[in-house]
Amino acid sequence: MNWLVLDPAKDHDTLTMLHLAAQMLGKIRVRHAPWTNHGWHVALQPNARGLATLPTAASDARTFTLALDLCRQAIVLTTSAAERDELPLAAGSVSALHSGLLEMLGRHGLPSDFSGLPNEIAEAVAFAEDKQPRVYDPESAARFRESLAAMLPVFERFRAGFTGKSSPVHFWWGSFDLAVTRFSGRTAPQHPGGVPGLPDRVTREAYSQEVSSAGFWAGGATKADAFFYSYAYPEPPGFREHSIAAGGWNADWQEFTLPYEEVRTASEPEAVLTSFLQSTYEAAAELASWDRAKMEREPIAP
């Protein structure tokens, strides 16, 4: 697989457009799909061409999906009635992309009402009012797609090694990160909330059970270097001091992190990422006394 360079200096405008486009798609699911535990129904699903929603029901027995197709460089709409439409991601601004999405949904008689204010972004500007010019670079988007394709098999194998409750490997549009979460099976203390742009009721339901969560953050609307992360909630005593196989504790983010560039340039990127995922999970599971013998297995078919 190709582990390609991700450069915030070059890619920021493109990743910002993708981040805010992903939020629009996810918010349609929030408004028009029944709530699933931990909000898993609103997460985007990685595929060979980019990221897509799960099917959403319209009022006339049709269902539809929306995808960030990073091969077509467009938001692609498909319906169960064999309709297809697309909206170029190179719209020039978030406002233009937002109005184009509403128009495309309206042409097909599909639900188009959703919250117009981005989540989990400091000092967020409403989609309709964000007229700042944004240069969308297809080459930046292609490298982002390839980076996800390179790491997905590692995350999927890691997910397959756990028989307890676990999320799919999915993509959170709020924070713009790929993630997989393992659950111990025990109830967690109420989360304090306070995540910017995210209602406390959503955060508290998401973290209502004890978890070890890991993923990849690409920055999105935040101009920053990409990294892999891992954290535990609640954080067991001694967690941040625990020895891990790669990366280290990040005091700014309050979690273990491993720079994407360090993985990309390693002689065996998949092995380095696997060691990070496994060792940080083991730190959480050991220190919090998870029943590891019951919930772990070799990731092969029985």
C-alpha atoms as a PDB file:
ATOM      1  CA  MET A   1       0.000   0.000   0.000  1.00  0.00           C
ATOM      2  CA  ASN A   2       1.088   3.607  -0.618  1.00  0.00           C
ATOM      3  CA  TRP A   3       1.722   5.663   2.510  1.00  0.00           C
ATOM      4  CA  LEU A   4       1.748   9.114   0.922  1.00  0.00           C
ATOM      5  CA  VAL A   5       2.804  12.480   2.300  1.00  0.00           C
ATOM      6  CA  LEU A   6       0.149  14.565   4.084  1.00  0.00           C
ATOM      7  CA  ASP A   7       1.281  18.183   4.218  1.00  0.00           C
ATOM      8  CA  PRO A   8      -0.901  20.679   6.130  1.00  0.00           C
ATOM      9  CA  ALA A   9       0.819  23.595   4.400  1.00  0.00           C
ATOM     10  CA  LYS A  10      -0.340  22.288   1.019  1.00  0.00           C
ATOM     11  CA  ASP A  11      -3.453  20.320   1.911  1.00  0.00           C
ATOM     12  CA  HIS A  12      -5.234  22.563   4.426  1.00  0.00           C
ATOM     13  CA  ASP A  13      -7.839  24.148   2.137  1.00  0.00           C
ATOM     14  CA  THR A  14      -8.724  20.795   0.607  1.00  0.00           C
ATOM     15  CA  LEU A  15      -9.004  19.025   3.972  1.00  0.00           C
ATOM     16  CA  THR A  16     -11.115  21.896   5.302  1.00  0.00           C
ATOM     17  CA  MET A  17     -13.534  21.496   2.396  1.00  0.00           C
ATOM     18  CA  LEU A  18     -13.661  17.725   2.952  1.00  0.00           C
ATOM     19  CA  HIS A  19     -14.155  18.149   6.702  1.00  0.00           C
ATOM     20  CA  LEU A  20     -17.073  20.548   6.295  1.00  0.00           C
ATOM     21  CA  ALA A  21     -18.572  18.550   3.426  1.00  0.00           C
ATOM     22  CA  ALA A  22     -18.399  15.439   5.628  1.00  0.00           C
ATOM     23  CA  GLN A  23     -20.207  17.357   8.369  1.00  0.00           C
ATOM     24  CA  MET A  24     -23.047  18.236   6.001  1.00  0.00           C
ATOM     25  CA  LEU A  25     -23.497  14.588   5.018  1.00  0.00           C
ATOM     26  CA  GLY A  26     -23.355  13.405   8.614  1.00  0.00           C
ATOM     27  CA  LYS A  27     -25.852  16.013   9.772  1.00  0.00           C
ATOM     28  CA  ILE A  28     -28.395  14.723   7.264  1.00  0.00           C
ATOM     29  CA  ARG A  29     -28.142  11.364   9.035  1.00  0.00           C
ATOM     30  CA  VAL A  30     -28.543  13.061  12.431  1.00  0.00           C
ATOM     31  CA  ARG A  31     -31.779  14.690  11.290  1.00  0.00           C
ATOM     32  CA  HIS A  32     -33.262  11.877   9.214  1.00  0.00           C
ATOM     33  CA  ALA A  33     -32.152   8.515  10.672  1.00  0.00           C
ATOM     34  CA  PRO A  34     -33.142   6.817  13.942  1.00  0.00           C
ATOM     35  CA  TRP A  35     -30.527   7.177  16.673  1.00  0.00           C
ATOM     36  CA  THR A  36     -28.208   4.201  17.191  1.00  0.00           C
ATOM     37  CA  ASN A  37     -26.182   3.728  20.363  1.00  0.00           C
ATOM     38  CA  HIS A  38     -23.034   5.866  20.513  1.00  0.00           C
ATOM     39  CA  GLY A  39     -24.062   7.656  17.313  1.00  0.00           C
ATOM     40  CA  TRP A  40     -22.640   4.918  15.103  1.00  0.00           C
ATOM     41  CA  HIS A  41     -25.392   5.484  12.508  1.00  0.00           C
ATOM     42  CA  VAL A  42     -24.118   8.961  11.639  1.00  0.00           C
ATOM     43  CA  ALA A  43     -20.461   8.025  11.100  1.00  0.00           C
ATOM     44  CA  LEU A  44     -19.195   7.842   7.530  1.00  0.00           C
ATOM     45  CA  GLN A  45     -18.060   4.497   6.147  1.00  0.00           C
ATOM     46  CA  PRO A  46     -14.676   4.180   4.399  1.00  0.00           C
ATOM     47  CA  ASN A  47     -14.789   2.599   0.957  1.00  0.00           C
ATOM     48  CA  ALA A  48     -12.512   2.255  -2.062  1.00  0.00           C
ATOM     49  CA  ARG A  49     -13.408   5.700  -3.371  1.00  0.00           C
ATOM     50  CA  GLY A  50     -13.567   7.714  -0.158  1.00  0.00           C
ATOM     51  CA  LEU A  51     -16.234   8.022   2.541  1.00  0.00           C
ATOM     52  CA  ALA A  52     -19.986   7.446   2.403  1.00  0.00           C
ATOM     53  CA  THR A  53     -23.089   7.586   4.560  1.00  0.00           C
ATOM     54  CA  LEU A  54     -25.196   4.587   5.398  1.00  0.00           C
ATOM     55  CA  PRO A  55     -28.505   4.474   3.455  1.00  0.00           C
ATOM     56  CA  THR A  56     -31.073   7.025   4.632  1.00  0.00           C
ATOM     57  CA  ALA A  57     -34.816   6.614   4.142  1.00  0.00           C
ATOM     58  CA  ALA A  58     -36.780   9.269   2.251  1.00  0.00           C
ATOM     59  CA  SER A  59     -40.524   9.756   2.744  1.00  0.00           C
ATOM     60  CA  ASP A  60     -41.506   7.988  -0.491  1.00  0.00           C
ATOM     61  CA  ALA A  61     -40.016   4.506   0.131  1.00  0.00           C
ATOM     62  CA  ARG A  62     -36.726   5.394  -1.542  1.00  0.00           C
ATOM     63  CA  THR A  63     -33.409   5.270   0.260  1.00  0.00           C
ATOM     64  CA  PHE A  64     -30.349   7.300  -0.643  1.00  0.00           C
ATOM     65  CA  THR A  65     -26.660   7.539   0.121  1.00  0.00           C
ATOM     66  CA  LEU A  66     -24.229  10.420  -0.138  1.00  0.00           C
ATOM     67  CA  ALA A  67     -20.513   9.899  -0.657  1.00  0.00           C
ATOM     68  CA  LEU A  68     -17.345  11.939  -0.687  1.00  0.00           C
ATOM     69  CA  ASP A  69     -16.070  10.293  -3.856  1.00  0.00           C
ATOM     70  CA  LEU A  70     -12.397  11.230  -3.981  1.00  0.00           C
ATOM     71  CA  CYS A  71     -11.933   9.566  -7.358  1.00  0.00           C
ATOM     72  CA  ARG A  72     -14.720  11.633  -8.943  1.00  0.00           C
ATOM     73  CA  GLN A  73     -13.787  14.607  -6.663  1.00  0.00           C
ATOM     74  CA  ALA A  74     -17.477  15.093  -5.953  1.00  0.00           C
ATOM     75  CA  ILE A  75     -20.299  14.518  -3.511  1.00  0.00           C
ATOM     76  CA  VAL A  76     -22.123  11.665  -5.220  1.00  0.00           C
ATOM     77  CA  LEU A  77     -25.817  10.968  -4.606  1.00  0.00           C
ATOM     78  CA  THR A  78     -27.332   7.567  -5.364  1.00  0.00           C
ATOM     79  CA  THR A  79     -30.862   6.349  -4.640  1.00  0.00           C
ATOM     80  CA  SER A  80     -32.645   3.022  -4.530  1.00  0.00           C
ATOM     81  CA  ALA A  81     -34.603   4.161  -7.610  1.00  0.00           C
ATOM     82  CA  ALA A  82     -31.348   4.061  -9.625  1.00  0.00           C
ATOM     83  CA  GLU A  83     -31.000   7.848  -9.638  1.00  0.00           C
ATOM     84  CA  ARG A  84     -27.521   9.315  -9.575  1.00  0.00           C
ATOM     85  CA  ASP A  85     -26.231  12.871  -9.308  1.00  0.00           C
ATOM     86  CA  GLU A  86     -23.057  14.593  -8.243  1.00  0.00           C
ATOM     87  CA  LEU A  87     -21.754  17.915  -6.982  1.00  0.00           C
ATOM     88  CA  PRO A  88     -18.111  18.897  -7.591  1.00  0.00           C
ATOM     89  CA  LEU A  89     -16.151  19.395  -4.377  1.00  0.00           C
ATOM     90  CA  ALA A  90     -14.213  22.221  -6.043  1.00  0.00           C
ATOM     91  CA  ALA A  91     -17.076  24.619  -5.364  1.00  0.00           C
ATOM     92  CA  GLY A  92     -14.847  27.541  -4.398  1.00  0.00           C
ATOM     93  CA  SER A  93     -16.246  28.013  -0.886  1.00  0.00           C
ATOM     94  CA  VAL A  94     -18.095  26.137   1.840  1.00  0.00           C
ATOM     95  CA  SER A  95     -21.132  28.339   1.238  1.00  0.00           C
ATOM     96  CA  ALA A  96     -21.261  27.398  -2.453  1.00  0.00           C
ATOM     97  CA  LEU A  97     -20.883  23.696  -1.627  1.00  0.00           C
ATOM     98  CA  HIS A  98     -23.676  23.944   0.955  1.00  0.00           C
ATOM     99  CA  SER A  99     -26.107  25.631  -1.452  1.00  0.00           C
ATOM    100  CA  GLY A 100     -25.184  23.142  -4.184  1.00  0.00           C
ATOM    101  CA  LEU A 101     -25.923  20.204  -1.890  1.00  0.00           C
ATOM    102  CA  LEU A 102     -29.322  21.608  -0.950  1.00  0.00           C
ATOM    103  CA  GLU A 103     -30.143  22.130  -4.623  1.00  0.00           C
ATOM    104  CA  MET A 104     -29.073  18.601  -5.566  1.00  0.00           C
ATOM    105  CA  LEU A 105     -31.178  17.025  -2.827  1.00  0.00           C
ATOM    106  CA  GLY A 106     -34.115  19.247  -3.771  1.00  0.00           C
ATOM    107  CA  ARG A 107     -33.963  18.189  -7.438  1.00  0.00           C
ATOM    108  CA  HIS A 108     -34.553  14.620  -6.357  1.00  0.00           C
ATOM    109  CA  GLY A 109     -37.192  15.346  -3.708  1.00  0.00           C
ATOM    110  CA  LEU A 110     -34.937  14.176  -0.882  1.00  0.00           C
ATOM    111  CA  PRO A 111     -34.650  15.517   2.685  1.00  0.00           C
ATOM    112  CA  SER A 112     -32.412  18.571   2.729  1.00  0.00           C
ATOM    113  CA  ASP A 113     -32.936  20.126   6.158  1.00  0.00           C
ATOM    114  CA  PHE A 114     -30.120  19.763   8.688  1.00  0.00           C
ATOM    115  CA  SER A 115     -28.259  21.873  11.224  1.00  0.00           C
ATOM    116  CA  GLY A 116     -26.324  24.608   9.473  1.00  0.00           C
ATOM    117  CA  LEU A 117     -23.602  25.119  12.082  1.00  0.00           C
ATOM    118  CA  PRO A 118     -20.457  22.912  12.108  1.00  0.00           C
ATOM    119  CA  ASN A 119     -19.659  20.831  15.195  1.00  0.00           C
ATOM    120  CA  GLU A 120     -16.379  20.389  17.071  1.00  0.00           C
ATOM    121  CA  ILE A 121     -14.692  23.331  15.320  1.00  0.00           C
ATOM    122  CA  ALA A 122     -13.609  26.365  17.325  1.00  0.00           C
ATOM    123  CA  GLU A 123     -15.352  29.623  16.323  1.00  0.00           C
ATOM    124  CA  ALA A 124     -17.338  27.781  13.662  1.00  0.00           C
ATOM    125  CA  VAL A 125     -19.027  29.757  10.890  1.00  0.00           C
ATOM    126  CA  ALA A 126     -22.384  28.570   9.561  1.00  0.00           C
ATOM    127  CA  PHE A 127     -22.040  26.684   6.271  1.00  0.00           C
ATOM    128  CA  ALA A 128     -24.227  29.177   4.411  1.00  0.00           C
ATOM    129  CA  GLU A 129     -22.152  32.128   5.633  1.00  0.00           C
ATOM    130  CA  ASP A 130     -18.686  30.659   5.052  1.00  0.00           C
ATOM    131  CA  LYS A 131     -17.784  32.438   1.832  1.00  0.00           C
ATOM    132  CA  GLN A 132     -14.008  32.374   2.317  1.00  0.00           C
ATOM    133  CA  PRO A 133     -12.383  31.241  -0.954  1.00  0.00           C
ATOM    134  CA  ARG A 134     -11.043  27.680  -0.699  1.00  0.00           C
ATOM    135  CA  VAL A 135      -8.809  26.095  -3.322  1.00  0.00           C
ATOM    136  CA  TYR A 136      -9.730  22.415  -3.620  1.00  0.00           C
ATOM    137  CA  ASP A 137      -6.764  20.387  -4.896  1.00  0.00           C
ATOM    138  CA  PRO A 138      -7.675  16.945  -6.317  1.00  0.00           C
ATOM    139  CA  GLU A 139      -4.098  15.783  -5.762  1.00  0.00           C
ATOM    140  CA  SER A 140      -4.348  16.583  -2.033  1.00  0.00           C
ATOM    141  CA  ALA A 141      -7.663  14.725  -1.846  1.00  0.00           C
ATOM    142  CA  ALA A 142      -6.178  11.738  -3.681  1.00  0.00           C
ATOM    143  CA  ARG A 143      -3.278  11.520  -1.206  1.00  0.00           C
ATOM    144  CA  PHE A 144      -5.734  11.661   1.683  1.00  0.00           C
ATOM    145  CA  ARG A 145      -7.772   8.836   0.108  1.00  0.00           C
ATOM    146  CA  GLU A 146      -4.617   6.757  -0.411  1.00  0.00           C
ATOM    147  CA  SER A 147      -3.483   7.314   3.178  1.00  0.00           C
ATOM    148  CA  LEU A 148      -6.815   5.977   4.443  1.00  0.00           C
ATOM    149  CA  ALA A 149      -6.559   3.000   2.078  1.00  0.00           C
ATOM    150  CA  ALA A 150      -3.081   2.178   3.412  1.00  0.00           C
ATOM    151  CA  MET A 151      -4.088   2.169   7.082  1.00  0.00           C
ATOM    152  CA  LEU A 152      -7.551   0.590   6.822  1.00  0.00           C
ATOM    153  CA  PRO A 153      -6.314  -3.041   6.677  1.00  0.00           C
ATOM    154  CA  VAL A 154      -4.301  -2.460   9.863  1.00  0.00           C
ATOM    155  CA  PHE A 155      -7.318  -1.044  11.709  1.00  0.00           C
ATOM    156  CA  GLU A 156      -9.586  -3.807  10.391  1.00  0.00           C
ATOM    157  CA  ARG A 157      -7.220  -6.545  11.552  1.00  0.00           C
ATOM    158  CA  PHE A 158      -6.939  -4.861  14.949  1.00  0.00           C
ATOM    159  CA  ARG A 159     -10.760  -4.686  15.145  1.00  0.00           C
ATOM    160  CA  ALA A 160     -11.015  -8.389  14.219  1.00  0.00           C
ATOM    161  CA  GLY A 161      -8.889  -9.422  17.197  1.00  0.00           C
ATOM    162  CA  PHE A 162     -11.592  -8.473  19.703  1.00  0.00           C
ATOM    163  CA  THR A 163     -14.764 -10.479  20.370  1.00  0.00           C
ATOM    164  CA  GLY A 164     -16.280  -8.095  22.892  1.00  0.00           C
ATOM    165  CA  LYS A 165     -18.464  -5.160  21.914  1.00  0.00           C
ATOM    166  CA  SER A 166     -16.618  -2.992  19.422  1.00  0.00           C
ATOM    167  CA  SER A 167     -17.501  -0.273  16.967  1.00  0.00           C
ATOM    168  CA  PRO A 168     -16.915  -0.740  13.250  1.00  0.00           C
ATOM    169  CA  VAL A 169     -13.886   1.004  11.784  1.00  0.00           C
ATOM    170  CA  HIS A 170     -15.660   4.208  10.801  1.00  0.00           C
ATOM    171  CA  PHE A 171     -15.050   7.910  10.214  1.00  0.00           C
ATOM    172  CA  TRP A 172     -16.285  10.622  12.549  1.00  0.00           C
ATOM    173  CA  TRP A 173     -17.141  13.739  10.565  1.00  0.00           C
ATOM    174  CA  GLY A 174     -17.303  15.996  13.636  1.00  0.00           C
ATOM    175  CA  SER A 175     -13.629  15.697  14.498  1.00  0.00           C
ATOM    176  CA  PHE A 176     -12.577  14.328  11.070  1.00  0.00           C
ATOM    177  CA  ASP A 177     -10.988  11.097  12.269  1.00  0.00           C
ATOM    178  CA  LEU A 178     -10.982   7.399  11.506  1.00  0.00           C
ATOM    179  CA  ALA A 179     -11.745   5.434  14.680  1.00  0.00           C
ATOM    180  CA  VAL A 180     -12.393   2.059  16.263  1.00  0.00           C
ATOM    181  CA  THR A 181     -13.552   1.637  19.861  1.00  0.00           C
ATOM    182  CA  ARG A 182     -13.420  -1.400  22.138  1.00  0.00           C
ATOM    183  CA  PHE A 183     -15.693  -1.770  25.179  1.00  0.00           C
ATOM    184  CA  SER A 184     -14.949  -3.561  28.442  1.00  0.00           C
ATOM    185  CA  GLY A 185     -18.611  -4.315  29.110  1.00  0.00           C
ATOM    186  CA  ARG A 186     -18.731  -2.107  32.217  1.00  0.00           C
ATOM    187  CA  THR A 187     -20.613   1.144  32.761  1.00  0.00           C
ATOM    188  CA  ALA A 188     -18.441   4.267  32.905  1.00  0.00           C
ATOM    189  CA  PRO A 189     -18.836   7.285  35.195  1.00  0.00           C
ATOM    190  CA  GLN A 190     -20.738  10.158  33.611  1.00  0.00           C
ATOM    191  CA  HIS A 191     -18.545  12.044  31.171  1.00  0.00           C
ATOM    192  CA  PRO A 192     -18.049  15.716  32.153  1.00  0.00           C
ATOM    193  CA  GLY A 193     -18.931  16.882  28.635  1.00  0.00           C
ATOM    194  CA  GLY A 194     -17.610  20.229  27.518  1.00  0.00           C
ATOM    195  CA  VAL A 195     -16.502  19.173  24.022  1.00  0.00           C
ATOM    196  CA  PRO A 196     -16.688  22.350  21.872  1.00  0.00           C
ATOM    197  CA  GLY A 197     -19.621  22.297  19.489  1.00  0.00           C
ATOM    198  CA  LEU A 198     -20.970  18.965  20.752  1.00  0.00           C
ATOM    199  CA  PRO A 199     -24.011  18.701  23.063  1.00  0.00           C
ATOM    200  CA  ASP A 200     -23.149  17.128  26.419  1.00  0.00           C
ATOM    201  CA  ARG A 201     -25.991  14.619  26.008  1.00  0.00           C
ATOM    202  CA  VAL A 202     -24.270  13.219  22.900  1.00  0.00           C
ATOM    203  CA  THR A 203     -20.850  13.015  24.568  1.00  0.00           C
ATOM    204  CA  ARG A 204     -22.286  11.352  27.671  1.00  0.00           C
ATOM    205  CA  GLU A 205     -24.162   8.725  25.675  1.00  0.00           C
ATOM    206  CA  ALA A 206     -21.067   8.039  23.567  1.00  0.00           C
ATOM    207  CA  TYR A 207     -18.946   7.493  26.694  1.00  0.00           C
ATOM    208  CA  SER A 208     -21.580   5.793  28.830  1.00  0.00           C
ATOM    209  CA  GLN A 209     -19.464   2.622  28.884  1.00  0.00           C
ATOM    210  CA  GLU A 210     -15.782   1.989  29.591  1.00  0.00           C
ATOM    211  CA  VAL A 211     -13.725   2.161  26.392  1.00  0.00           C
ATOM    212  CA  SER A 212     -10.334   1.941  24.773  1.00  0.00           C
ATOM    213  CA  SER A 213     -10.447   3.923  21.538  1.00  0.00           C
ATOM    214  CA  ALA A 214      -7.888   4.429  18.785  1.00  0.00           C
ATOM    215  CA  GLY A 215      -7.811   6.162  15.447  1.00  0.00           C
ATOM    216  CA  PHE A 216      -6.265   8.524  12.932  1.00  0.00           C
ATOM    217  CA  TRP A 217      -6.745  12.293  12.883  1.00  0.00           C
ATOM    218  CA  ALA A 218      -5.962  14.147   9.662  1.00  0.00           C
ATOM    219  CA  GLY A 219      -6.479  17.690  10.927  1.00  0.00           C
ATOM    220  CA  GLY A 220      -9.283  18.735   8.605  1.00  0.00           C
ATOM    221  CA  ALA A 221     -10.267  22.312   9.407  1.00  0.00           C
ATOM    222  CA  THR A 222      -7.413  22.450  11.930  1.00  0.00           C
ATOM    223  CA  LYS A 223      -4.065  23.131  10.279  1.00  0.00           C
ATOM    224  CA  ALA A 224      -1.912  20.509  11.995  1.00  0.00           C
ATOM    225  CA  ASP A 225       0.219  17.464  11.285  1.00  0.00           C
ATOM    226  CA  ALA A 226      -1.729  14.204  11.096  1.00  0.00           C
ATOM    227  CA  PHE A 227      -1.306  11.577  13.812  1.00  0.00           C
ATOM    228  CA  PHE A 228      -2.612   8.302  15.185  1.00  0.00           C
ATOM    229  CA  TYR A 229      -4.098   8.362  18.679  1.00  0.00           C
ATOM    230  CA  SER A 230      -5.250   6.101  21.492  1.00  0.00           C
ATOM    231  CA  TYR A 231      -7.013   6.877  24.775  1.00  0.00           C
ATOM    232  CA  ALA A 232      -9.056   5.222  27.509  1.00  0.00           C
ATOM    233  CA  TYR A 233     -12.219   6.436  29.229  1.00  0.00           C
ATOM    234  CA  PRO A 234     -12.194   6.488  32.142  1.00  0.00           C
ATOM    235  CA  GLU A 235      -8.405   6.783  32.210  1.00  0.00           C
ATOM    236  CA  PRO A 236      -7.055   4.156  34.649  1.00  0.00           C
ATOM    237  CA  PRO A 237      -4.333   5.169  37.131  1.00  0.00           C
ATOM    238  CA  GLY A 238      -0.872   4.840  35.599  1.00  0.00           C
ATOM    239  CA  PHE A 239      -2.146   4.863  32.008  1.00  0.00           C
ATOM    240  CA  ARG A 240      -0.224   7.892  30.739  1.00  0.00           C
ATOM    241  CA  GLU A 241       3.013   6.653  32.333  1.00  0.00           C
ATOM    242  CA  HIS A 242       2.691   3.162  30.857  1.00  0.00           C
ATOM    243  CA  SER A 243       5.361   2.009  28.411  1.00  0.00           C
ATOM    244  CA  ILE A 244       4.099   1.566  24.841  1.00  0.00           C
ATOM    245  CA  ALA A 245       5.737   0.185  21.696  1.00  0.00           C
ATOM    246  CA  ALA A 246       5.594   3.350  19.560  1.00  0.00           C
ATOM    247  CA  GLY A 247       4.651   6.981  20.029  1.00  0.00           C
ATOM    248  CA  GLY A 248       4.155   8.524  23.448  1.00  0.00           C
ATOM    249  CA  TRP A 249       1.874  10.473  25.767  1.00  0.00           C
ATOM    250  CA  ASN A 250       0.784  13.817  24.342  1.00  0.00           C
ATOM    251  CA  ALA A 251       0.074  16.300  27.142  1.00  0.00           C
ATOM    252  CA  ASP A 252      -1.640  18.740  24.776  1.00  0.00           C
ATOM    253  CA  TRP A 253      -4.165  16.176  23.553  1.00  0.00           C
ATOM    254  CA  GLN A 254      -4.288  14.080  26.759  1.00  0.00           C
ATOM    255  CA  GLU A 255      -3.859  10.807  24.865  1.00  0.00           C
ATOM    256  CA  PHE A 256      -1.153   8.646  23.307  1.00  0.00           C
ATOM    257  CA  THR A 257      -0.180   9.837  19.835  1.00  0.00           C
ATOM    258  CA  LEU A 258       2.045   8.610  17.020  1.00  0.00           C
ATOM    259  CA  PRO A 259       2.872  10.985  14.127  1.00  0.00           C
ATOM    260  CA  TYR A 260       1.585   9.838  10.738  1.00  0.00           C
ATOM    261  CA  GLU A 261       4.910  10.841   9.216  1.00  0.00           C
ATOM    262  CA  GLU A 262       6.768   8.505  11.591  1.00  0.00           C
ATOM    263  CA  VAL A 263       4.627   5.598  10.419  1.00  0.00           C
ATOM    264  CA  ARG A 264       4.790   6.603   6.759  1.00  0.00           C
ATOM    265  CA  THR A 265       8.589   6.713   6.702  1.00  0.00           C
ATOM    266  CA  ALA A 266       9.141   3.510   8.710  1.00  0.00           C
ATOM    267  CA  SER A 267      10.575   0.485   6.929  1.00  0.00           C
ATOM    268  CA  GLU A 268       7.445  -1.470   7.969  1.00  0.00           C
ATOM    269  CA  PRO A 269       4.620   1.054   8.460  1.00  0.00           C
ATOM    270  CA  GLU A 270       1.939  -1.570   9.117  1.00  0.00           C
ATOM    271  CA  ALA A 271       4.020  -3.185  11.882  1.00  0.00           C
ATOM    272  CA  VAL A 272       4.686   0.157  13.593  1.00  0.00           C
ATOM    273  CA  LEU A 273       1.006   1.124  13.535  1.00  0.00           C
ATOM    274  CA  THR A 274      -0.056  -2.328  14.756  1.00  0.00           C
ATOM    275  CA  SER A 275       2.371  -2.126  17.680  1.00  0.00           C
ATOM    276  CA  PHE A 276       0.984   1.280  18.646  1.00  0.00           C
ATOM    277  CA  LEU A 277      -2.643   0.111  18.513  1.00  0.00           C
ATOM    278  CA  GLN A 278      -1.976  -3.104  20.399  1.00  0.00           C
ATOM    279  CA  SER A 279       0.320  -1.740  23.103  1.00  0.00           C
ATOM    280  CA  THR A 280      -1.918   1.215  23.964  1.00  0.00           C
ATOM    281  CA  TYR A 281      -4.963  -1.053  24.143  1.00  0.00           C
ATOM    282  CA  GLU A 282      -3.060  -3.464  26.379  1.00  0.00           C
ATOM    283  CA  ALA A 283      -2.103  -0.597  28.682  1.00  0.00           C
ATOM    284  CA  ALA A 284      -5.769   0.350  29.082  1.00  0.00           C
ATOM    285  CA  ALA A 285      -7.021  -3.232  29.413  1.00  0.00           C
ATOM    286  CA  GLU A 286      -4.382  -4.350  31.914  1.00  0.00           C
ATOM    287  CA  LEU A 287      -4.588  -1.292  34.145  1.00  0.00           C
ATOM    288  CA  ALA A 288      -8.405  -1.348  34.162  1.00  0.00           C
ATOM    289  CA  SER A 289      -8.585  -5.163  34.650  1.00  0.00           C
ATOM    290  CA  TRP A 290     -10.542  -6.033  31.508  1.00  0.00           C
ATOM    291  CA  ASP A 291     -11.412  -9.701  31.008  1.00  0.00           C
ATOM    292  CA  ARG A 292      -8.909 -10.042  28.179  1.00  0.00           C
ATOM    293  CA  ALA A 293      -9.032 -13.833  27.989  1.00  0.00           C
ATOM    294  CA  LYS A 294     -12.744 -13.653  27.229  1.00  0.00           C
ATOM    295  CA  MET A 295     -12.633 -10.811  24.681  1.00  0.00           C
ATOM    296  CA  GLU A 296      -9.501 -11.364  22.596  1.00  0.00           C
ATOM    297  CA  ARG A 297      -8.752 -13.824  19.792  1.00  0.00           C
ATOM    298  CA  GLU A 298      -6.563 -14.290  16.765  1.00  0.00           C
ATOM    299  CA  PRO A 299      -8.112 -12.309  13.882  1.00  0.00           C
ATOM    300  CA  ILE A 300      -8.800 -15.350  11.698  1.00  0.00           C
ATOM    301  CA  ALA A 301     -11.961 -17.207  10.774  1.00  0.00           C
ATOM    302  CA  PRO A 302     -12.889 -19.988  13.231  1.00  0.00           C
END
